[in-house]
Amino acid sequence: NRLAALAHWVLPGLSEGRLLTGFEDPADIAAFYLDQG
């Protein structure tokens, strides 16, 4: 997640996004990384 905060475009798989953010919905996972930059 520290590395993802340095990227403009973040491309996780759904299961990866759920593990990394703790969110289930794709919209919430995406919002997590948008909030990081």
PDB file of all heavy atoms in Angstrom:
ATOM      1  N   ASN A   1       0.823  -1.212   0.000  1.00  0.00           N
ATOM      2  CA  ASN A   1       0.000   0.000   0.000  1.00  0.00           C
ATOM      3  C   ASN A   1       0.859   1.264   0.000  1.00  0.00           C
ATOM      4  O   ASN A   1       0.469   2.282  -0.580  1.00  0.00           O
ATOM      5  CB  ASN A   1      -0.961  -0.011   1.187  1.00  0.00           C
ATOM      6  CG  ASN A   1      -2.155  -0.913   0.949  1.00  0.00           C
ATOM      7  OD1 ASN A   1      -2.535  -1.161  -0.202  1.00  0.00           O
ATOM      8  ND2 ASN A   1      -2.754  -1.424   2.017  1.00  0.00           N
ATOM      9  N   ARG A   2       2.016   1.212   0.632  1.00  0.00           N
ATOM     10  CA  ARG A   2       2.942   2.358   0.565  1.00  0.00           C
ATOM     11  C   ARG A   2       3.417   2.580  -0.868  1.00  0.00           C
ATOM     12  O   ARG A   2       3.533   3.718  -1.331  1.00  0.00           O
ATOM     13  CB  ARG A   2       4.138   2.122   1.484  1.00  0.00           C
ATOM     14  CG  ARG A   2       3.855   2.280   2.977  1.00  0.00           C
ATOM     15  CD  ARG A   2       5.111   2.004   3.783  1.00  0.00           C
ATOM     16  NE  ARG A   2       6.180   2.931   3.415  1.00  0.00           N
ATOM     17  CZ  ARG A   2       7.482   2.618   3.438  1.00  0.00           C
ATOM     18  NH1 ARG A   2       7.865   1.392   3.735  1.00  0.00           N
ATOM     19  NH2 ARG A   2       8.379   3.537   3.122  1.00  0.00           N
ATOM     20  N   LEU A   3       3.688   1.505  -1.572  1.00  0.00           N
ATOM     21  CA  LEU A   3       4.104   1.622  -2.963  1.00  0.00           C
ATOM     22  C   LEU A   3       2.963   2.120  -3.836  1.00  0.00           C
ATOM     23  O   LEU A   3       3.160   2.968  -4.714  1.00  0.00           O
ATOM     24  CB  LEU A   3       4.609   0.267  -3.467  1.00  0.00           C
ATOM     25  CG  LEU A   3       5.985  -0.165  -2.953  1.00  0.00           C
ATOM     26  CD1 LEU A   3       6.189  -1.657  -3.162  1.00  0.00           C
ATOM     27  CD2 LEU A   3       7.089   0.626  -3.641  1.00  0.00           C
ATOM     28  N   ALA A   4       1.774   1.593  -3.617  1.00  0.00           N
ATOM     29  CA  ALA A   4       0.618   2.009  -4.415  1.00  0.00           C
ATOM     30  C   ALA A   4       0.363   3.505  -4.283  1.00  0.00           C
ATOM     31  O   ALA A   4      -0.110   4.151  -5.225  1.00  0.00           O
ATOM     32  CB  ALA A   4      -0.619   1.220  -3.999  1.00  0.00           C
ATOM     33  N   ALA A   5       0.692   4.063  -3.122  1.00  0.00           N
ATOM     34  CA  ALA A   5       0.485   5.496  -2.904  1.00  0.00           C
ATOM     35  C   ALA A   5       1.399   6.351  -3.770  1.00  0.00           C
ATOM     36  O   ALA A   5       1.182   7.563  -3.893  1.00  0.00           O
ATOM     37  CB  ALA A   5       0.706   5.830  -1.427  1.00  0.00           C
ATOM     38  N   LEU A   6       2.402   5.733  -4.398  1.00  0.00           N
ATOM     39  CA  LEU A   6       3.323   6.462  -5.269  1.00  0.00           C
ATOM     40  C   LEU A   6       2.914   6.383  -6.738  1.00  0.00           C
ATOM     41  O   LEU A   6       3.586   6.960  -7.596  1.00  0.00           O
ATOM     42  CB  LEU A   6       4.743   5.897  -5.109  1.00  0.00           C
ATOM     43  CG  LEU A   6       5.362   6.024  -3.713  1.00  0.00           C
ATOM     44  CD1 LEU A   6       6.682   5.254  -3.658  1.00  0.00           C
ATOM     45  CD2 LEU A   6       5.590   7.493  -3.350  1.00  0.00           C
ATOM     46  N   ALA A   7       1.843   5.658  -7.030  1.00  0.00           N
ATOM     47  CA  ALA A   7       1.447   5.424  -8.420  1.00  0.00           C
ATOM     48  C   ALA A   7       0.273   6.293  -8.831  1.00  0.00           C
ATOM     49  O   ALA A   7      -0.587   6.646  -8.016  1.00  0.00           O
ATOM     50  CB  ALA A   7       1.086   3.951  -8.611  1.00  0.00           C
ATOM     51  N   HIS A   8       0.223   6.605 -10.123  1.00  0.00           N
ATOM     52  CA  HIS A   8      -0.926   7.320 -10.689  1.00  0.00           C
ATOM     53  C   HIS A   8      -2.042   6.343 -11.077  1.00  0.00           C
ATOM     54  O   HIS A   8      -3.220   6.664 -10.969  1.00  0.00           O
ATOM     55  CB  HIS A   8      -0.501   8.105 -11.936  1.00  0.00           C
ATOM     56  CG  HIS A   8       0.545   9.138 -11.674  1.00  0.00           C
ATOM     57  ND1 HIS A   8       1.889   8.881 -11.770  1.00  0.00           N
ATOM     58  CD2 HIS A   8       0.429  10.447 -11.304  1.00  0.00           C
ATOM     59  CE1 HIS A   8       2.572   9.983 -11.485  1.00  0.00           C
ATOM     60  NE2 HIS A   8       1.713  10.945 -11.205  1.00  0.00           N
ATOM     61  N   TRP A   9      -1.656   5.163 -11.556  1.00  0.00           N
ATOM     62  CA  TRP A   9      -2.628   4.164 -12.003  1.00  0.00           C
ATOM     63  C   TRP A   9      -2.392   2.882 -11.221  1.00  0.00           C
ATOM     64  O   TRP A   9      -1.309   2.289 -11.280  1.00  0.00           O
ATOM     65  CB  TRP A   9      -2.462   3.879 -13.504  1.00  0.00           C
ATOM     66  CG  TRP A   9      -2.362   5.109 -14.357  1.00  0.00           C
ATOM     67  CD1 TRP A   9      -2.944   6.332 -14.118  1.00  0.00           C
ATOM     68  CD2 TRP A   9      -1.615   5.270 -15.568  1.00  0.00           C
ATOM     69  NE1 TRP A   9      -2.616   7.230 -15.108  1.00  0.00           N
ATOM     70  CE2 TRP A   9      -1.800   6.614 -16.018  1.00  0.00           C
ATOM     71  CE3 TRP A   9      -0.821   4.424 -16.342  1.00  0.00           C
ATOM     72  CZ2 TRP A   9      -1.212   7.104 -17.176  1.00  0.00           C
ATOM     73  CZ3 TRP A   9      -0.237   4.919 -17.499  1.00  0.00           C
ATOM     74  CH2 TRP A   9      -0.439   6.233 -17.917  1.00  0.00           C
ATOM     75  N   VAL A  10      -3.393   2.430 -10.488  1.00  0.00           N
ATOM     76  CA  VAL A  10      -3.277   1.236  -9.638  1.00  0.00           C
ATOM     77  C   VAL A  10      -4.183   0.153 -10.203  1.00  0.00           C
ATOM     78  O   VAL A  10      -5.364   0.403 -10.487  1.00  0.00           O
ATOM     79  CB  VAL A  10      -3.647   1.562  -8.175  1.00  0.00           C
ATOM     80  CG1 VAL A  10      -3.483   0.326  -7.292  1.00  0.00           C
ATOM     81  CG2 VAL A  10      -2.781   2.711  -7.650  1.00  0.00           C
ATOM     82  N   LEU A  11      -3.639  -1.075 -10.338  1.00  0.00           N
ATOM     83  CA  LEU A  11      -4.327  -2.129 -11.080  1.00  0.00           C
ATOM     84  C   LEU A  11      -4.427  -3.435 -10.286  1.00  0.00           C
ATOM     85  O   LEU A  11      -3.858  -4.464 -10.677  1.00  0.00           O
ATOM     86  CB  LEU A  11      -3.578  -2.398 -12.393  1.00  0.00           C
ATOM     87  CG  LEU A  11      -3.170  -1.175 -13.229  1.00  0.00           C
ATOM     88  CD1 LEU A  11      -2.295  -1.601 -14.397  1.00  0.00           C
ATOM     89  CD2 LEU A  11      -4.410  -0.428 -13.705  1.00  0.00           C
ATOM     90  N   PRO A  12      -5.175  -3.470  -9.199  1.00  0.00           N
ATOM     91  CA  PRO A  12      -5.266  -4.709  -8.427  1.00  0.00           C
ATOM     92  C   PRO A  12      -6.323  -5.664  -8.967  1.00  0.00           C
ATOM     93  O   PRO A  12      -7.261  -5.255  -9.658  1.00  0.00           O
ATOM     94  CB  PRO A  12      -5.678  -4.203  -7.045  1.00  0.00           C
ATOM     95  CG  PRO A  12      -6.543  -3.008  -7.352  1.00  0.00           C
ATOM     96  CD  PRO A  12      -5.902  -2.365  -8.571  1.00  0.00           C
ATOM     97  N   GLY A  13      -6.170  -6.944  -8.632  1.00  0.00           N
ATOM     98  CA  GLY A  13      -7.258  -7.882  -8.818  1.00  0.00           C
ATOM     99  C   GLY A  13      -8.238  -7.720  -7.660  1.00  0.00           C
ATOM    100  O   GLY A  13      -7.898  -7.133  -6.627  1.00  0.00           O
ATOM    101  N   LEU A  14      -9.443  -8.231  -7.821  1.00  0.00           N
ATOM    102  CA  LEU A  14     -10.453  -8.057  -6.775  1.00  0.00           C
ATOM    103  C   LEU A  14     -10.014  -8.675  -5.452  1.00  0.00           C
ATOM    104  O   LEU A  14     -10.123  -8.044  -4.399  1.00  0.00           O
ATOM    105  CB  LEU A  14     -11.785  -8.661  -7.228  1.00  0.00           C
ATOM    106  CG  LEU A  14     -12.931  -8.571  -6.208  1.00  0.00           C
ATOM    107  CD1 LEU A  14     -13.246  -7.124  -5.856  1.00  0.00           C
ATOM    108  CD2 LEU A  14     -14.170  -9.273  -6.752  1.00  0.00           C
ATOM    109  N   SER A  15      -9.522  -9.910  -5.483  1.00  0.00           N
ATOM    110  CA  SER A  15      -9.110 -10.549  -4.229  1.00  0.00           C
ATOM    111  C   SER A  15      -7.928  -9.815  -3.606  1.00  0.00           C
ATOM    112  O   SER A  15      -7.844  -9.687  -2.376  1.00  0.00           O
ATOM    113  CB  SER A  15      -8.759 -12.020  -4.477  1.00  0.00           C
ATOM    114  OG  SER A  15      -7.696 -12.138  -5.399  1.00  0.00           O
ATOM    115  N   GLU A  16      -7.027  -9.306  -4.434  1.00  0.00           N
ATOM    116  CA  GLU A  16      -5.908  -8.516  -3.921  1.00  0.00           C
ATOM    117  C   GLU A  16      -6.413  -7.241  -3.261  1.00  0.00           C
ATOM    118  O   GLU A  16      -5.984  -6.880  -2.162  1.00  0.00           O
ATOM    119  CB  GLU A  16      -4.957  -8.147  -5.060  1.00  0.00           C
ATOM    120  CG  GLU A  16      -4.171  -9.299  -5.630  1.00  0.00           C
ATOM    121  CD  GLU A  16      -3.294  -8.879  -6.803  1.00  0.00           C
ATOM    122  OE1 GLU A  16      -3.710  -7.976  -7.580  1.00  0.00           O
ATOM    123  OE2 GLU A  16      -2.209  -9.451  -6.942  1.00  0.00           O
ATOM    124  N   GLY A  17      -7.321  -6.560  -3.937  1.00  0.00           N
ATOM    125  CA  GLY A  17      -7.856  -5.323  -3.394  1.00  0.00           C
ATOM    126  C   GLY A  17      -8.565  -5.536  -2.064  1.00  0.00           C
ATOM    127  O   GLY A  17      -8.450  -4.715  -1.145  1.00  0.00           O
ATOM    128  N   ARG A  18      -9.301  -6.635  -1.956  1.00  0.00           N
ATOM    129  CA  ARG A  18      -9.986  -6.925  -0.699  1.00  0.00           C
ATOM    130  C   ARG A  18      -9.004  -7.169   0.428  1.00  0.00           C
ATOM    131  O   ARG A  18      -9.187  -6.690   1.555  1.00  0.00           O
ATOM    132  CB  ARG A  18     -10.898  -8.144  -0.895  1.00  0.00           C
ATOM    133  CG  ARG A  18     -12.150  -7.830  -1.700  1.00  0.00           C
ATOM    134  CD  ARG A  18     -12.936  -9.081  -2.052  1.00  0.00           C
ATOM    135  NE  ARG A  18     -14.275  -8.734  -2.540  1.00  0.00           N
ATOM    136  CZ  ARG A  18     -15.108  -9.608  -3.097  1.00  0.00           C
ATOM    137  NH1 ARG A  18     -14.738 -10.870  -3.262  1.00  0.00           N
ATOM    138  NH2 ARG A  18     -16.301  -9.211  -3.503  1.00  0.00           N
ATOM    139  N   LEU A  19      -7.947  -7.923   0.148  1.00  0.00           N
ATOM    140  CA  LEU A  19      -6.943  -8.200   1.183  1.00  0.00           C
ATOM    141  C   LEU A  19      -6.192  -6.936   1.577  1.00  0.00           C
ATOM    142  O   LEU A  19      -5.954  -6.678   2.758  1.00  0.00           O
ATOM    143  CB  LEU A  19      -5.963  -9.260   0.661  1.00  0.00           C
ATOM    144  CG  LEU A  19      -4.789  -9.613   1.585  1.00  0.00           C
ATOM    145  CD1 LEU A  19      -5.298 -10.185   2.906  1.00  0.00           C
ATOM    146  CD2 LEU A  19      -3.858 -10.599   0.894  1.00  0.00           C
ATOM    147  N   LEU A  20      -5.836  -6.132   0.605  1.00  0.00           N
ATOM    148  CA  LEU A  20      -5.006  -4.959   0.860  1.00  0.00           C
ATOM    149  C   LEU A  20      -5.756  -3.831   1.554  1.00  0.00           C
ATOM    150  O   LEU A  20      -5.169  -3.066   2.331  1.00  0.00           O
ATOM    151  CB  LEU A  20      -4.414  -4.438  -0.452  1.00  0.00           C
ATOM    152  CG  LEU A  20      -3.354  -5.330  -1.111  1.00  0.00           C
ATOM    153  CD1 LEU A  20      -3.062  -4.851  -2.527  1.00  0.00           C
ATOM    154  CD2 LEU A  20      -2.076  -5.350  -0.284  1.00  0.00           C
ATOM    155  N   THR A  21      -7.049  -3.695   1.273  1.00  0.00           N
ATOM    156  CA  THR A  21      -7.807  -2.554   1.820  1.00  0.00           C
ATOM    157  C   THR A  21      -8.782  -2.928   2.926  1.00  0.00           C
ATOM    158  O   THR A  21      -9.191  -2.060   3.702  1.00  0.00           O
ATOM    159  CB  THR A  21      -8.601  -1.862   0.702  1.00  0.00           C
ATOM    160  OG1 THR A  21      -9.660  -2.728   0.264  1.00  0.00           O
ATOM    161  CG2 THR A  21      -7.697  -1.497  -0.479  1.00  0.00           C
ATOM    162  N   GLY A  22      -9.198  -4.187   2.965  1.00  0.00           N
ATOM    163  CA  GLY A  22     -10.209  -4.596   3.931  1.00  0.00           C
ATOM    164  C   GLY A  22     -11.624  -4.325   3.475  1.00  0.00           C
ATOM    165  O   GLY A  22     -12.582  -4.626   4.192  1.00  0.00           O
ATOM    166  N   PHE A  23     -11.786  -3.772   2.265  1.00  0.00           N
ATOM    167  CA  PHE A  23     -13.115  -3.501   1.714  1.00  0.00           C
ATOM    168  C   PHE A  23     -13.532  -4.618   0.757  1.00  0.00           C
ATOM    169  O   PHE A  23     -12.698  -5.264   0.129  1.00  0.00           O
ATOM    170  CB  PHE A  23     -13.138  -2.158   0.977  1.00  0.00           C
ATOM    171  CG  PHE A  23     -12.905  -0.970   1.867  1.00  0.00           C
ATOM    172  CD1 PHE A  23     -11.750  -0.196   1.743  1.00  0.00           C
ATOM    173  CD2 PHE A  23     -13.830  -0.623   2.838  1.00  0.00           C
ATOM    174  CE1 PHE A  23     -11.528   0.897   2.552  1.00  0.00           C
ATOM    175  CE2 PHE A  23     -13.619   0.479   3.665  1.00  0.00           C
ATOM    176  CZ  PHE A  23     -12.463   1.242   3.534  1.00  0.00           C
ATOM    177  N   GLU A  24     -14.836  -4.816   0.628  1.00  0.00           N
ATOM    178  CA  GLU A  24     -15.371  -5.856  -0.250  1.00  0.00           C
ATOM    179  C   GLU A  24     -15.753  -5.311  -1.622  1.00  0.00           C
ATOM    180  O   GLU A  24     -15.456  -5.909  -2.647  1.00  0.00           O
ATOM    181  CB  GLU A  24     -16.606  -6.509   0.400  1.00  0.00           C
ATOM    182  CG  GLU A  24     -16.275  -7.401   1.573  1.00  0.00           C
ATOM    183  CD  GLU A  24     -15.536  -8.652   1.145  1.00  0.00           C
ATOM    184  OE1 GLU A  24     -15.983  -9.323   0.186  1.00  0.00           O
ATOM    185  OE2 GLU A  24     -14.495  -8.953   1.761  1.00  0.00           O
ATOM    186  N   ASP A  25     -16.458  -4.186  -1.650  1.00  0.00           N
ATOM    187  CA  ASP A  25     -16.957  -3.634  -2.906  1.00  0.00           C
ATOM    188  C   ASP A  25     -15.834  -3.027  -3.739  1.00  0.00           C
ATOM    189  O   ASP A  25     -14.973  -2.316  -3.206  1.00  0.00           O
ATOM    190  CB  ASP A  25     -17.997  -2.555  -2.631  1.00  0.00           C
ATOM    191  CG  ASP A  25     -19.363  -3.129  -2.313  1.00  0.00           C
ATOM    192  OD1 ASP A  25     -19.479  -4.344  -2.079  1.00  0.00           O
ATOM    193  OD2 ASP A  25     -20.313  -2.336  -2.298  1.00  0.00           O
ATOM    194  N   PRO A  26     -15.854  -3.247  -5.037  1.00  0.00           N
ATOM    195  CA  PRO A  26     -14.848  -2.622  -5.904  1.00  0.00           C
ATOM    196  C   PRO A  26     -14.806  -1.107  -5.764  1.00  0.00           C
ATOM    197  O   PRO A  26     -13.729  -0.503  -5.817  1.00  0.00           O
ATOM    198  CB  PRO A  26     -15.298  -3.056  -7.306  1.00  0.00           C
ATOM    199  CG  PRO A  26     -16.014  -4.344  -7.094  1.00  0.00           C
ATOM    200  CD  PRO A  26     -16.722  -4.185  -5.788  1.00  0.00           C
ATOM    201  N   ALA A  27     -15.965  -0.483  -5.593  1.00  0.00           N
ATOM    202  CA  ALA A  27     -15.991   0.980  -5.475  1.00  0.00           C
ATOM    203  C   ALA A  27     -15.216   1.451  -4.252  1.00  0.00           C
ATOM    204  O   ALA A  27     -14.502   2.463  -4.307  1.00  0.00           O
ATOM    205  CB  ALA A  27     -17.435   1.471  -5.400  1.00  0.00           C
ATOM    206  N   ASP A  28     -15.343   0.730  -3.152  1.00  0.00           N
ATOM    207  CA  ASP A  28     -14.633   1.116  -1.934  1.00  0.00           C
ATOM    208  C   ASP A  28     -13.141   0.847  -2.053  1.00  0.00           C
ATOM    209  O   ASP A  28     -12.318   1.625  -1.544  1.00  0.00           O
ATOM    210  CB  ASP A  28     -15.207   0.354  -0.736  1.00  0.00           C
ATOM    211  CG  ASP A  28     -16.643   0.749  -0.430  1.00  0.00           C
ATOM    212  OD1 ASP A  28     -16.993   1.919  -0.669  1.00  0.00           O
ATOM    213  OD2 ASP A  28     -17.403  -0.115   0.039  1.00  0.00           O
ATOM    214  N   ILE A  29     -12.788  -0.250  -2.704  1.00  0.00           N
ATOM    215  CA  ILE A  29     -11.375  -0.540  -2.930  1.00  0.00           C
ATOM    216  C   ILE A  29     -10.748   0.566  -3.771  1.00  0.00           C
ATOM    217  O   ILE A  29      -9.668   1.084  -3.457  1.00  0.00           O
ATOM    218  CB  ILE A  29     -11.214  -1.902  -3.628  1.00  0.00           C
ATOM    219  CG1 ILE A  29     -11.710  -3.023  -2.719  1.00  0.00           C
ATOM    220  CG2 ILE A  29      -9.756  -2.132  -4.029  1.00  0.00           C
ATOM    221  CD1 ILE A  29     -11.839  -4.363  -3.412  1.00  0.00           C
ATOM    222  N   ALA A  30     -11.424   0.931  -4.841  1.00  0.00           N
ATOM    223  CA  ALA A  30     -10.916   1.985  -5.714  1.00  0.00           C
ATOM    224  C   ALA A  30     -10.800   3.309  -4.964  1.00  0.00           C
ATOM    225  O   ALA A  30      -9.810   4.037  -5.111  1.00  0.00           O
ATOM    226  CB  ALA A  30     -11.812   2.137  -6.933  1.00  0.00           C
ATOM    227  N   ALA A  31     -11.803   3.634  -4.158  1.00  0.00           N
ATOM    228  CA  ALA A  31     -11.775   4.886  -3.405  1.00  0.00           C
ATOM    229  C   ALA A  31     -10.586   4.932  -2.452  1.00  0.00           C
ATOM    230  O   ALA A  31      -9.980   5.992  -2.249  1.00  0.00           O
ATOM    231  CB  ALA A  31     -13.084   5.056  -2.639  1.00  0.00           C
ATOM    232  N   PHE A  32     -10.248   3.801  -1.879  1.00  0.00           N
ATOM    233  CA  PHE A  32      -9.094   3.724  -0.967  1.00  0.00           C
ATOM    234  C   PHE A  32      -7.827   4.211  -1.665  1.00  0.00           C
ATOM    235  O   PHE A  32      -7.068   5.010  -1.107  1.00  0.00           O
ATOM    236  CB  PHE A  32      -8.934   2.271  -0.496  1.00  0.00           C
ATOM    237  CG  PHE A  32      -7.733   2.033   0.370  1.00  0.00           C
ATOM    238  CD1 PHE A  32      -7.812   2.183   1.736  1.00  0.00           C
ATOM    239  CD2 PHE A  32      -6.513   1.638  -0.191  1.00  0.00           C
ATOM    240  CE1 PHE A  32      -6.687   1.941   2.553  1.00  0.00           C
ATOM    241  CE2 PHE A  32      -5.396   1.405   0.599  1.00  0.00           C
ATOM    242  CZ  PHE A  32      -5.488   1.560   1.977  1.00  0.00           C
ATOM    243  N   TYR A  33      -7.606   3.763  -2.892  1.00  0.00           N
ATOM    244  CA  TYR A  33      -6.385   4.141  -3.605  1.00  0.00           C
ATOM    245  C   TYR A  33      -6.470   5.546  -4.191  1.00  0.00           C
ATOM    246  O   TYR A  33      -5.460   6.251  -4.285  1.00  0.00           O
ATOM    247  CB  TYR A  33      -6.047   3.102  -4.667  1.00  0.00           C
ATOM    248  CG  TYR A  33      -5.587   1.805  -4.043  1.00  0.00           C
ATOM    249  CD1 TYR A  33      -6.360   0.651  -4.122  1.00  0.00           C
ATOM    250  CD2 TYR A  33      -4.409   1.764  -3.315  1.00  0.00           C
ATOM    251  CE1 TYR A  33      -5.950  -0.521  -3.509  1.00  0.00           C
ATOM    252  CE2 TYR A  33      -3.985   0.600  -2.688  1.00  0.00           C
ATOM    253  CZ  TYR A  33      -4.757  -0.538  -2.786  1.00  0.00           C
ATOM    254  OH  TYR A  33      -4.357  -1.699  -2.157  1.00  0.00           O
ATOM    255  N   LEU A  34      -7.665   5.973  -4.561  1.00  0.00           N
ATOM    256  CA  LEU A  34      -7.824   7.362  -4.997  1.00  0.00           C
ATOM    257  C   LEU A  34      -7.496   8.317  -3.850  1.00  0.00           C
ATOM    258  O   LEU A  34      -6.853   9.349  -4.052  1.00  0.00           O
ATOM    259  CB  LEU A  34      -9.244   7.605  -5.505  1.00  0.00           C
ATOM    260  CG  LEU A  34      -9.632   6.900  -6.807  1.00  0.00           C
ATOM    261  CD1 LEU A  34     -11.101   7.146  -7.108  1.00  0.00           C
ATOM    262  CD2 LEU A  34      -8.758   7.377  -7.979  1.00  0.00           C
ATOM    263  N   ASP A  35      -7.917   7.961  -2.659  1.00  0.00           N
ATOM    264  CA  ASP A  35      -7.634   8.791  -1.490  1.00  0.00           C
ATOM    265  C   ASP A  35      -6.144   8.828  -1.167  1.00  0.00           C
ATOM    266  O   ASP A  35      -5.652   9.790  -0.564  1.00  0.00           O
ATOM    267  CB  ASP A  35      -8.404   8.281  -0.271  1.00  0.00           C
ATOM    268  CG  ASP A  35      -9.903   8.526  -0.358  1.00  0.00           C
ATOM    269  OD1 ASP A  35     -10.310   9.359  -1.184  1.00  0.00           O
ATOM    270  OD2 ASP A  35     -10.660   7.871   0.383  1.00  0.00           O
ATOM    271  N   GLN A  36      -5.416   7.778  -1.579  1.00  0.00           N
ATOM    272  CA  GLN A  36      -3.972   7.737  -1.335  1.00  0.00           C
ATOM    273  C   GLN A  36      -3.176   8.540  -2.360  1.00  0.00           C
ATOM    274  O   GLN A  36      -1.981   8.751  -2.187  1.00  0.00           O
ATOM    275  CB  GLN A  36      -3.469   6.288  -1.367  1.00  0.00           C
ATOM    276  CG  GLN A  36      -3.750   5.491  -0.111  1.00  0.00           C
ATOM    277  CD  GLN A  36      -2.898   4.228  -0.061  1.00  0.00           C
ATOM    278  OE1 GLN A  36      -2.514   3.664  -1.087  1.00  0.00           O
ATOM    279  NE2 GLN A  36      -2.590   3.780   1.137  1.00  0.00           N
ATOM    280  N   GLY A  37      -3.827   8.935  -3.452  1.00  0.00           N
ATOM    281  CA  GLY A  37      -3.114   9.732  -4.443  1.00  0.00           C
ATOM    282  C   GLY A  37      -3.178   9.226  -5.864  1.00  0.00           C
ATOM    283  O   GLY A  37      -2.630   9.868  -6.771  1.00  0.00           O
TER     284      GLY A  37
END
